[in-house]
Amino acid sequence: MTTRVALVGGTGKLGSIIRDVIDASDGFELASILGSRSELSDLDGAELVVDASTPSVSIDVVRASIERGINVLVGTSGWSAERIALVRPLVDAAGTGAVFIPNFSIGSVLGSALAAVAAPFFPSIEIVEAHRETKVDSPSGTAVRTAELIAAARQEVGPVESPHVDQRARGQRVASVPVHSLRRPGVVARQETILSGPGESLTIVHDTIEPAAAYTPGIGLALAAARDARGVIVGLDSLIDIGVRMPRAARDQPLPEGAAPGQVARTTVV
């Protein structure tokens, strides 16, 4: 059976990669490609909506999809846990599925998971993320997701130590973690999570070098999951077995409500 897809933001950088994955997939076909100024009525007739638009447009796309009873896959950045919580009741009431993927790169997902594993052991943690100058939002969705996972992993030991965060140069705090965003030419995407303790530090770095190659496997996994999803699912780590031993305090963070059996990352509690 072929699933008809409405792709919002299909002419953008991420949207173009998603479009190529859909075109190459036997189980999906493009029903329509929407821009930021398209009428949301153009979603009619689709069986799955994929959103790769902008943060300001994305919320309307998600709501319009839910109202029409259509599952939605969201690759647009800017969806924090608080923002997702606003649409969760709508998804549950409609009996549909909404899959939010902050980053389609499997390497990036592993980097965030490793940061969560290490988080309880280091009192000081900061994130530095860099993207090209055309990225409109900051911090990135990946940095927000990483910070939220770190905070969940530190529930038993308390928030991250972040002195002088009242000063703007110390970055924006996300779930107690200072996040510093760089927007500059010559970079695709890079994130450093720097964990520090007495006498030592650990830095976890992920670089995206070629987006199409990095994102294609994750996009394929997300499309397959979004087609039959029920409820809200957050993160690529919820769709694959990343093989990482998560700290006890973080055991529930990657587990989305409404995930079907076999879709949730199988983590080992230590």
Foldseek 3Di string as FASTA:
>chain_A
DAFEEEEEPCVDPVNVLLQVLQVVDPRYDYPYYHYLPDDLCSCPPGQEYEYQYEPVSVVVNVLSCLVVLHFYEYQYKDCAPVNVVVCQVSQQVSQAEYEYALALFPLLVLLLQVCLQCLQVFQAKAKEKEAAQPRDDPDGRSVLLSLVSSLLSNVPPDAHDQPPVVDVVQADARSNHHYHYHHHPPFHMKMWMWGDDPPDIDIRIDGDDDRSVRRSVSSVQSVVQRSPFTTYAYHSQQAEAPVEAGEQSSPCVRHGPRRDPNRGHDHHYD
